[in-house]
Amino acid sequence: MGFTGIIIGVAAFAIIGVMHPVVIKSYYYIGLKVWPAFLLIGGACLVASLFVPNQIASIIIAVLGVSFLWGIHELFEQKERVEKGWYPANPRH
């Protein structure tokens, strides 16, 4: 019996679940200026996944990298959500 799919599925679900508040909090406290960090982290994770010999770990690192890259898109979407009043704006910005 192989648990690889279940492990990867649970990890992907957890990563996506964690990235949602990371994007919201990053935009609230830092703003759009954080997107280059998301790009660097996402790219580094994707490159690192190429060199990790364990298949499960490699896939999970790649999912994390893609989630950070998708987070860039979500940062700009978050900007629109804040402008529409769906999320609070940081009064210090």
PDB file of N, CA and C in Angstrom:
ATOM      1  N   MET A   1       0.854  -1.165   0.000  1.00  0.00           N
ATOM      2  CA  MET A   1       0.000   0.000   0.000  1.00  0.00           C
ATOM      3  C   MET A   1       0.903   1.233   0.000  1.00  0.00           C
ATOM      4  N   GLY A   2       0.602   2.175  -0.875  1.00  0.00           N
ATOM      5  CA  GLY A   2       1.411   3.392  -0.959  1.00  0.00           C
ATOM      6  C   GLY A   2       0.659   4.601  -0.421  1.00  0.00           C
ATOM      7  N   PHE A   3       1.346   5.328   0.422  1.00  0.00           N
ATOM      8  CA  PHE A   3       0.744   6.521   1.011  1.00  0.00           C
ATOM      9  C   PHE A   3       1.268   7.810   0.372  1.00  0.00           C
ATOM     10  N   THR A   4       2.030   7.693  -0.696  1.00  0.00           N
ATOM     11  CA  THR A   4       2.648   8.862  -1.317  1.00  0.00           C
ATOM     12  C   THR A   4       1.611   9.906  -1.718  1.00  0.00           C
ATOM     13  N   GLY A   5       0.566   9.498  -2.379  1.00  0.00           N
ATOM     14  CA  GLY A   5      -0.468  10.434  -2.834  1.00  0.00           C
ATOM     15  C   GLY A   5      -1.158  11.133  -1.679  1.00  0.00           C
ATOM     16  N   ILE A   6      -1.429  10.387  -0.629  1.00  0.00           N
ATOM     17  CA  ILE A   6      -2.091  10.979   0.532  1.00  0.00           C
ATOM     18  C   ILE A   6      -1.179  11.991   1.207  1.00  0.00           C
ATOM     19  N   ILE A   7       0.101  11.635   1.355  1.00  0.00           N
ATOM     20  CA  ILE A   7       1.069  12.549   1.978  1.00  0.00           C
ATOM     21  C   ILE A   7       1.181  13.835   1.176  1.00  0.00           C
ATOM     22  N   ILE A   8       1.310  13.709  -0.129  1.00  0.00           N
ATOM     23  CA  ILE A   8       1.436  14.893  -0.987  1.00  0.00           C
ATOM     24  C   ILE A   8       0.145  15.712  -0.966  1.00  0.00           C
ATOM     25  N   GLY A   9      -0.989  15.045  -0.994  1.00  0.00           N
ATOM     26  CA  GLY A   9      -2.269  15.749  -0.956  1.00  0.00           C
ATOM     27  C   GLY A   9      -2.462  16.540   0.322  1.00  0.00           C
ATOM     28  N   VAL A  10      -2.145  15.929   1.450  1.00  0.00           N
ATOM     29  CA  VAL A  10      -2.275  16.620   2.735  1.00  0.00           C
ATOM     30  C   VAL A  10      -1.301  17.791   2.809  1.00  0.00           C
ATOM     31  N   ALA A  11      -0.070  17.570   2.343  1.00  0.00           N
ATOM     32  CA  ALA A  11       0.932  18.646   2.361  1.00  0.00           C
ATOM     33  C   ALA A  11       0.496  19.809   1.464  1.00  0.00           C
ATOM     34  N   ALA A  12      -0.008  19.503   0.274  1.00  0.00           N
ATOM     35  CA  ALA A  12      -0.463  20.566  -0.634  1.00  0.00           C
ATOM     36  C   ALA A  12      -1.623  21.341  -0.010  1.00  0.00           C
ATOM     37  N   PHE A  13      -2.548  20.626   0.599  1.00  0.00           N
ATOM     38  CA  PHE A  13      -3.678  21.277   1.262  1.00  0.00           C
ATOM     39  C   PHE A  13      -3.191  22.193   2.383  1.00  0.00           C
ATOM     40  N   ALA A  14      -2.237  21.717   3.176  1.00  0.00           N
ATOM     41  CA  ALA A  14      -1.697  22.520   4.276  1.00  0.00           C
ATOM     42  C   ALA A  14      -0.951  23.744   3.759  1.00  0.00           C
ATOM     43  N   ILE A  15      -0.165  23.572   2.707  1.00  0.00           N
ATOM     44  CA  ILE A  15       0.592  24.699   2.151  1.00  0.00           C
ATOM     45  C   ILE A  15      -0.363  25.765   1.624  1.00  0.00           C
ATOM     46  N   ILE A  16      -1.362  25.358   0.886  1.00  0.00           N
ATOM     47  CA  ILE A  16      -2.333  26.314   0.355  1.00  0.00           C
ATOM     48  C   ILE A  16      -3.074  26.997   1.497  1.00  0.00           C
ATOM     49  N   GLY A  17      -3.426  26.228   2.518  1.00  0.00           N
ATOM     50  CA  GLY A  17      -4.123  26.796   3.670  1.00  0.00           C
ATOM     51  C   GLY A  17      -3.278  27.810   4.421  1.00  0.00           C
ATOM     52  N   VAL A  18      -1.989  27.591   4.487  1.00  0.00           N
ATOM     53  CA  VAL A  18      -1.095  28.529   5.172  1.00  0.00           C
ATOM     54  C   VAL A  18      -0.803  29.745   4.299  1.00  0.00           C
ATOM     55  N   MET A  19      -0.690  29.549   3.009  1.00  0.00           N
ATOM     56  CA  MET A  19      -0.337  30.659   2.115  1.00  0.00           C
ATOM     57  C   MET A  19      -1.434  31.720   2.029  1.00  0.00           C
ATOM     58  N   HIS A  20      -2.670  31.322   2.210  1.00  0.00           N
ATOM     59  CA  HIS A  20      -3.765  32.304   2.144  1.00  0.00           C
ATOM     60  C   HIS A  20      -3.584  33.409   3.179  1.00  0.00           C
ATOM     61  N   PRO A  21      -3.432  33.078   4.465  1.00  0.00           N
ATOM     62  CA  PRO A  21      -3.201  34.162   5.433  1.00  0.00           C
ATOM     63  C   PRO A  21      -1.844  34.839   5.273  1.00  0.00           C
ATOM     64  N   VAL A  22      -0.852  34.119   4.746  1.00  0.00           N
ATOM     65  CA  VAL A  22       0.459  34.749   4.517  1.00  0.00           C
ATOM     66  C   VAL A  22       0.317  35.887   3.515  1.00  0.00           C
ATOM     67  N   VAL A  23      -0.421  35.657   2.452  1.00  0.00           N
ATOM     68  CA  VAL A  23      -0.640  36.701   1.442  1.00  0.00           C
ATOM     69  C   VAL A  23      -1.405  37.874   2.050  1.00  0.00           C
ATOM     70  N   ILE A  24      -2.451  37.592   2.797  1.00  0.00           N
ATOM     71  CA  ILE A  24      -3.260  38.659   3.388  1.00  0.00           C
ATOM     72  C   ILE A  24      -2.440  39.493   4.364  1.00  0.00           C
ATOM     73  N   LYS A  25      -1.710  38.835   5.251  1.00  0.00           N
ATOM     74  CA  LYS A  25      -0.898  39.557   6.242  1.00  0.00           C
ATOM     75  C   LYS A  25       0.271  40.286   5.576  1.00  0.00           C
ATOM     76  N   SER A  26       0.875  39.678   4.563  1.00  0.00           N
ATOM     77  CA  SER A  26       1.981  40.335   3.859  1.00  0.00           C
ATOM     78  C   SER A  26       1.511  41.622   3.199  1.00  0.00           C
ATOM     79  N   TYR A  27       0.349  41.555   2.561  1.00  0.00           N
ATOM     80  CA  TYR A  27      -0.167  42.764   1.928  1.00  0.00           C
ATOM     81  C   TYR A  27      -0.522  43.813   2.976  1.00  0.00           C
ATOM     82  N   TYR A  28      -1.120  43.383   4.085  1.00  0.00           N
ATOM     83  CA  TYR A  28      -1.546  44.325   5.123  1.00  0.00           C
ATOM     84  C   TYR A  28      -0.352  45.053   5.728  1.00  0.00           C
ATOM     85  N   TYR A  29       0.709  44.320   6.058  1.00  0.00           N
ATOM     86  CA  TYR A  29       1.837  44.925   6.756  1.00  0.00           C
ATOM     87  C   TYR A  29       2.911  45.501   5.834  1.00  0.00           C
ATOM     88  N   ILE A  30       3.080  44.928   4.640  1.00  0.00           N
ATOM     89  CA  ILE A  30       4.167  45.361   3.758  1.00  0.00           C
ATOM     90  C   ILE A  30       3.646  45.993   2.473  1.00  0.00           C
ATOM     91  N   GLY A  31       2.549  45.492   1.955  1.00  0.00           N
ATOM     92  CA  GLY A  31       2.012  46.000   0.698  1.00  0.00           C
ATOM     93  C   GLY A  31       2.552  45.219  -0.489  1.00  0.00           C
ATOM     94  N   LEU A  32       2.426  45.787  -1.657  1.00  0.00           N
ATOM     95  CA  LEU A  32       2.871  45.108  -2.878  1.00  0.00           C
ATOM     96  C   LEU A  32       4.386  44.991  -2.978  1.00  0.00           C
ATOM     97  N   LYS A  33       5.105  45.714  -2.133  1.00  0.00           N
ATOM     98  CA  LYS A  33       6.569  45.668  -2.179  1.00  0.00           C
ATOM     99  C   LYS A  33       7.117  44.289  -1.845  1.00  0.00           C
ATOM    100  N   VAL A  34       6.292  43.399  -1.340  1.00  0.00           N
ATOM    101  CA  VAL A  34       6.750  42.079  -0.929  1.00  0.00           C
ATOM    102  C   VAL A  34       6.809  41.090  -2.102  1.00  0.00           C
ATOM    103  N   TRP A  35       6.270  41.453  -3.246  1.00  0.00           N
ATOM    104  CA  TRP A  35       6.201  40.474  -4.334  1.00  0.00           C
ATOM    105  C   TRP A  35       7.569  39.985  -4.807  1.00  0.00           C
ATOM    106  N   PRO A  36       8.642  40.801  -4.817  1.00  0.00           N
ATOM    107  CA  PRO A  36       9.930  40.233  -5.218  1.00  0.00           C
ATOM    108  C   PRO A  36      10.416  39.129  -4.262  1.00  0.00           C
ATOM    109  N   ALA A  37      10.113  39.257  -2.975  1.00  0.00           N
ATOM    110  CA  ALA A  37      10.485  38.206  -2.025  1.00  0.00           C
ATOM    111  C   ALA A  37       9.731  36.915  -2.354  1.00  0.00           C
ATOM    112  N   PHE A  38       8.458  37.041  -2.692  1.00  0.00           N
ATOM    113  CA  PHE A  38       7.684  35.866  -3.088  1.00  0.00           C
ATOM    114  C   PHE A  38       8.300  35.229  -4.331  1.00  0.00           C
ATOM    115  N   LEU A  39       8.740  36.052  -5.270  1.00  0.00           N
ATOM    116  CA  LEU A  39       9.361  35.550  -6.497  1.00  0.00           C
ATOM    117  C   LEU A  39      10.657  34.802  -6.178  1.00  0.00           C
ATOM    118  N   LEU A  40      11.495  35.383  -5.345  1.00  0.00           N
ATOM    119  CA  LEU A  40      12.763  34.740  -4.997  1.00  0.00           C
ATOM    120  C   LEU A  40      12.544  33.435  -4.229  1.00  0.00           C
ATOM    121  N   ILE A  41      11.648  33.453  -3.267  1.00  0.00           N
ATOM    122  CA  ILE A  41      11.385  32.243  -2.487  1.00  0.00           C
ATOM    123  C   ILE A  41      10.786  31.159  -3.377  1.00  0.00           C
ATOM    124  N   GLY A  42       9.822  31.549  -4.214  1.00  0.00           N
ATOM    125  CA  GLY A  42       9.204  30.576  -5.112  1.00  0.00           C
ATOM    126  C   GLY A  42      10.194  29.978  -6.085  1.00  0.00           C
ATOM    127  N   GLY A  43      11.023  30.834  -6.682  1.00  0.00           N
ATOM    128  CA  GLY A  43      12.037  30.338  -7.617  1.00  0.00           C
ATOM    129  C   GLY A  43      13.055  29.453  -6.930  1.00  0.00           C
ATOM    130  N   ALA A  44      13.483  29.847  -5.737  1.00  0.00           N
ATOM    131  CA  ALA A  44      14.455  29.045  -4.993  1.00  0.00           C
ATOM    132  C   ALA A  44      13.885  27.677  -4.637  1.00  0.00           C
ATOM    133  N   CYS A  45      12.623  27.640  -4.258  1.00  0.00           N
ATOM    134  CA  CYS A  45      11.992  26.358  -3.939  1.00  0.00           C
ATOM    135  C   CYS A  45      11.919  25.458  -5.176  1.00  0.00           C
ATOM    136  N   LEU A  46      11.577  26.045  -6.312  1.00  0.00           N
ATOM    137  CA  LEU A  46      11.491  25.238  -7.530  1.00  0.00           C
ATOM    138  C   LEU A  46      12.858  24.683  -7.921  1.00  0.00           C
ATOM    139  N   VAL A  47      13.886  25.518  -7.832  1.00  0.00           N
ATOM    140  CA  VAL A  47      15.237  25.047  -8.152  1.00  0.00           C
ATOM    141  C   VAL A  47      15.673  23.986  -7.140  1.00  0.00           C
ATOM    142  N   ALA A  48      15.414  24.232  -5.864  1.00  0.00           N
ATOM    143  CA  ALA A  48      15.787  23.260  -4.830  1.00  0.00           C
ATOM    144  C   ALA A  48      15.093  21.925  -5.047  1.00  0.00           C
ATOM    145  N   SER A  49      13.856  21.957  -5.505  1.00  0.00           N
ATOM    146  CA  SER A  49      13.115  20.713  -5.713  1.00  0.00           C
ATOM    147  C   SER A  49      13.772  19.829  -6.771  1.00  0.00           C
ATOM    148  N   LEU A  50      14.546  20.434  -7.654  1.00  0.00           N
ATOM    149  CA  LEU A  50      15.240  19.660  -8.685  1.00  0.00           C
ATOM    150  C   LEU A  50      16.386  18.841  -8.108  1.00  0.00           C
ATOM    151  N   PHE A  51      16.909  19.266  -6.977  1.00  0.00           N
ATOM    152  CA  PHE A  51      18.093  18.629  -6.413  1.00  0.00           C
ATOM    153  C   PHE A  51      17.812  17.772  -5.176  1.00  0.00           C
ATOM    154  N   VAL A  52      16.576  17.715  -4.749  1.00  0.00           N
ATOM    155  CA  VAL A  52      16.219  16.891  -3.591  1.00  0.00           C
ATOM    156  C   VAL A  52      15.974  15.464  -4.092  1.00  0.00           C
ATOM    157  N   PRO A  53      16.742  14.501  -3.587  1.00  0.00           N
ATOM    158  CA  PRO A  53      16.601  13.138  -4.104  1.00  0.00           C
ATOM    159  C   PRO A  53      15.306  12.432  -3.684  1.00  0.00           C
ATOM    160  N   ASN A  54      14.739  12.785  -2.551  1.00  0.00           N
ATOM    161  CA  ASN A  54      13.507  12.152  -2.095  1.00  0.00           C
ATOM    162  C   ASN A  54      12.338  12.711  -2.890  1.00  0.00           C
ATOM    163  N   GLN A  55      11.595  11.828  -3.542  1.00  0.00           N
ATOM    164  CA  GLN A  55      10.516  12.259  -4.433  1.00  0.00           C
ATOM    165  C   GLN A  55       9.416  13.015  -3.695  1.00  0.00           C
ATOM    166  N   ILE A  56       9.012  12.532  -2.541  1.00  0.00           N
ATOM    167  CA  ILE A  56       7.941  13.197  -1.795  1.00  0.00           C
ATOM    168  C   ILE A  56       8.379  14.589  -1.374  1.00  0.00           C
ATOM    169  N   ALA A  57       9.581  14.704  -0.817  1.00  0.00           N
ATOM    170  CA  ALA A  57      10.093  16.011  -0.389  1.00  0.00           C
ATOM    171  C   ALA A  57      10.237  16.954  -1.575  1.00  0.00           C
ATOM    172  N   SER A  58      10.713  16.433  -2.702  1.00  0.00           N
ATOM    173  CA  SER A  58      10.873  17.251  -3.899  1.00  0.00           C
ATOM    174  C   SER A  58       9.542  17.820  -4.369  1.00  0.00           C
ATOM    175  N   ILE A  59       8.519  17.004  -4.364  1.00  0.00           N
ATOM    176  CA  ILE A  59       7.191  17.445  -4.796  1.00  0.00           C
ATOM    177  C   ILE A  59       6.634  18.487  -3.826  1.00  0.00           C
ATOM    178  N   ILE A  60       6.796  18.255  -2.540  1.00  0.00           N
ATOM    179  CA  ILE A  60       6.270  19.195  -1.558  1.00  0.00           C
ATOM    180  C   ILE A  60       6.986  20.540  -1.660  1.00  0.00           C
ATOM    181  N   ILE A  61       8.302  20.522  -1.874  1.00  0.00           N
ATOM    182  CA  ILE A  61       9.048  21.772  -2.050  1.00  0.00           C
ATOM    183  C   ILE A  61       8.596  22.488  -3.319  1.00  0.00           C
ATOM    184  N   ALA A  62       8.342  21.729  -4.387  1.00  0.00           N
ATOM    185  CA  ALA A  62       7.856  22.337  -5.629  1.00  0.00           C
ATOM    186  C   ALA A  62       6.472  22.950  -5.436  1.00  0.00           C
ATOM    187  N   VAL A  63       5.600  22.268  -4.702  1.00  0.00           N
ATOM    188  CA  VAL A  63       4.269  22.821  -4.426  1.00  0.00           C
ATOM    189  C   VAL A  63       4.396  24.114  -3.639  1.00  0.00           C
ATOM    190  N   LEU A  64       5.310  24.145  -2.667  1.00  0.00           N
ATOM    191  CA  LEU A  64       5.549  25.373  -1.908  1.00  0.00           C
ATOM    192  C   LEU A  64       6.029  26.490  -2.838  1.00  0.00           C
ATOM    193  N   GLY A  65       6.947  26.176  -3.741  1.00  0.00           N
ATOM    194  CA  GLY A  65       7.447  27.179  -4.688  1.00  0.00           C
ATOM    195  C   GLY A  65       6.360  27.736  -5.589  1.00  0.00           C
ATOM    196  N   VAL A  66       5.552  26.856  -6.129  1.00  0.00           N
ATOM    197  CA  VAL A  66       4.463  27.308  -6.996  1.00  0.00           C
ATOM    198  C   VAL A  66       3.450  28.120  -6.195  1.00  0.00           C
ATOM    199  N   SER A  67       3.241  27.755  -4.946  1.00  0.00           N
ATOM    200  CA  SER A  67       2.311  28.508  -4.098  1.00  0.00           C
ATOM    201  C   SER A  67       2.819  29.930  -3.858  1.00  0.00           C
ATOM    202  N   PHE A  68       4.125  30.086  -3.664  1.00  0.00           N
ATOM    203  CA  PHE A  68       4.676  31.427  -3.523  1.00  0.00           C
ATOM    204  C   PHE A  68       4.537  32.216  -4.821  1.00  0.00           C
ATOM    205  N   LEU A  69       4.757  31.573  -5.954  1.00  0.00           N
ATOM    206  CA  LEU A  69       4.598  32.271  -7.232  1.00  0.00           C
ATOM    207  C   LEU A  69       3.129  32.658  -7.449  1.00  0.00           C
ATOM    208  N   TRP A  70       2.212  31.775  -7.129  1.00  0.00           N
ATOM    209  CA  TRP A  70       0.785  32.098  -7.231  1.00  0.00           C
ATOM    210  C   TRP A  70       0.428  33.204  -6.245  1.00  0.00           C
ATOM    211  N   GLY A  71       1.137  33.245  -5.121  1.00  0.00           N
ATOM    212  CA  GLY A  71       0.922  34.289  -4.127  1.00  0.00           C
ATOM    213  C   GLY A  71       1.156  35.684  -4.680  1.00  0.00           C
ATOM    214  N   ILE A  72       2.045  35.811  -5.660  1.00  0.00           N
ATOM    215  CA  ILE A  72       2.266  37.111  -6.305  1.00  0.00           C
ATOM    216  C   ILE A  72       0.976  37.590  -6.953  1.00  0.00           C
ATOM    217  N   HIS A  73       0.336  36.698  -7.676  1.00  0.00           N
ATOM    218  CA  HIS A  73      -0.957  37.040  -8.302  1.00  0.00           C
ATOM    219  C   HIS A  73      -1.973  37.416  -7.228  1.00  0.00           C
ATOM    220  N   GLU A  74      -1.998  36.646  -6.155  1.00  0.00           N
ATOM    221  CA  GLU A  74      -2.965  36.899  -5.088  1.00  0.00           C
ATOM    222  C   GLU A  74      -2.685  38.209  -4.355  1.00  0.00           C
ATOM    223  N   LEU A  75      -1.431  38.641  -4.291  1.00  0.00           N
ATOM    224  CA  LEU A  75      -1.127  39.943  -3.688  1.00  0.00           C
ATOM    225  C   LEU A  75      -1.820  41.064  -4.453  1.00  0.00           C
ATOM    226  N   PHE A  76      -1.759  40.998  -5.770  1.00  0.00           N
ATOM    227  CA  PHE A  76      -2.402  42.028  -6.587  1.00  0.00           C
ATOM    228  C   PHE A  76      -3.927  41.915  -6.514  1.00  0.00           C
ATOM    229  N   GLU A  77      -4.424  40.687  -6.392  1.00  0.00           N
ATOM    230  CA  GLU A  77      -5.859  40.505  -6.179  1.00  0.00           C
ATOM    231  C   GLU A  77      -6.259  41.055  -4.806  1.00  0.00           C
ATOM    232  N   GLN A  78      -5.396  40.867  -3.815  1.00  0.00           N
ATOM    233  CA  GLN A  78      -5.677  41.371  -2.475  1.00  0.00           C
ATOM    234  C   GLN A  78      -5.771  42.886  -2.480  1.00  0.00           C
ATOM    235  N   LYS A  79      -4.945  43.526  -3.276  1.00  0.00           N
ATOM    236  CA  LYS A  79      -5.003  44.988  -3.410  1.00  0.00           C
ATOM    237  C   LYS A  79      -6.397  45.407  -3.864  1.00  0.00           C
ATOM    238  N   GLU A  80      -6.936  44.707  -4.847  1.00  0.00           N
ATOM    239  CA  GLU A  80      -8.275  45.018  -5.338  1.00  0.00           C
ATOM    240  C   GLU A  80      -9.346  44.738  -4.277  1.00  0.00           C
ATOM    241  N   ARG A  81      -9.171  43.651  -3.531  1.00  0.00           N
ATOM    242  CA  ARG A  81     -10.136  43.332  -2.477  1.00  0.00           C
ATOM    243  C   ARG A  81     -10.156  44.410  -1.398  1.00  0.00           C
ATOM    244  N   VAL A  82      -8.985  44.919  -1.058  1.00  0.00           N
ATOM    245  CA  VAL A  82      -8.903  45.987  -0.054  1.00  0.00           C
ATOM    246  C   VAL A  82      -9.554  47.252  -0.599  1.00  0.00           C
ATOM    247  N   GLU A  83      -9.302  47.566  -1.871  1.00  0.00           N
ATOM    248  CA  GLU A  83      -9.906  48.763  -2.478  1.00  0.00           C
ATOM    249  C   GLU A  83     -11.428  48.666  -2.522  1.00  0.00           C
ATOM    250  N   LYS A  84     -11.961  47.456  -2.664  1.00  0.00           N
ATOM    251  CA  LYS A  84     -13.414  47.254  -2.670  1.00  0.00           C
ATOM    252  C   LYS A  84     -13.997  47.244  -1.263  1.00  0.00           C
ATOM    253  N   GLY A  85     -13.125  47.220  -0.255  1.00  0.00           N
ATOM    254  CA  GLY A  85     -13.593  47.214   1.121  1.00  0.00           C
ATOM    255  C   GLY A  85     -13.864  45.836   1.684  1.00  0.00           C
ATOM    256  N   TRP A  86     -13.471  44.788   0.973  1.00  0.00           N
ATOM    257  CA  TRP A  86     -13.712  43.435   1.439  1.00  0.00           C
ATOM    258  C   TRP A  86     -12.765  43.056   2.568  1.00  0.00           C
ATOM    259  N   TYR A  87     -11.592  43.680   2.597  1.00  0.00           N
ATOM    260  CA  TYR A  87     -10.589  43.455   3.641  1.00  0.00           C
ATOM    261  C   TYR A  87     -10.162  44.811   4.176  1.00  0.00           C
ATOM    262  N   PRO A  88      -9.744  44.874   5.427  1.00  0.00           N
ATOM    263  CA  PRO A  88      -9.338  46.169   5.985  1.00  0.00           C
ATOM    264  C   PRO A  88      -8.003  46.632   5.425  1.00  0.00           C
ATOM    265  N   ALA A  89      -7.876  47.938   5.246  1.00  0.00           N
ATOM    266  CA  ALA A  89      -6.605  48.516   4.816  1.00  0.00           C
ATOM    267  C   ALA A  89      -5.787  48.869   6.053  1.00  0.00           C
ATOM    268  N   ASN A  90      -4.504  48.802   5.925  1.00  0.00           N
ATOM    269  CA  ASN A  90      -3.629  49.185   7.022  1.00  0.00           C
ATOM    270  C   ASN A  90      -3.635  50.705   7.123  1.00  0.00           C
ATOM    271  N   PRO A  91      -4.058  51.273   8.231  1.00  0.00           N
ATOM    272  CA  PRO A  91      -4.145  52.740   8.332  1.00  0.00           C
ATOM    273  C   PRO A  91      -2.777  53.419   8.291  1.00  0.00           C
ATOM    274  N   ARG A  92      -1.710  52.666   8.511  1.00  0.00           N
ATOM    275  CA  ARG A  92      -0.378  53.261   8.484  1.00  0.00           C
ATOM    276  C   ARG A  92       0.200  53.373   7.078  1.00  0.00           C
ATOM    277  N   HIS A  93      -0.507  52.860   6.090  1.00  0.00           N
ATOM    278  CA  HIS A  93       0.004  52.940   4.696  1.00  0.00           C
ATOM    279  C   HIS A  93      -0.632  54.109   3.987  1.00  0.00           C
TER     280      HIS A  93
END
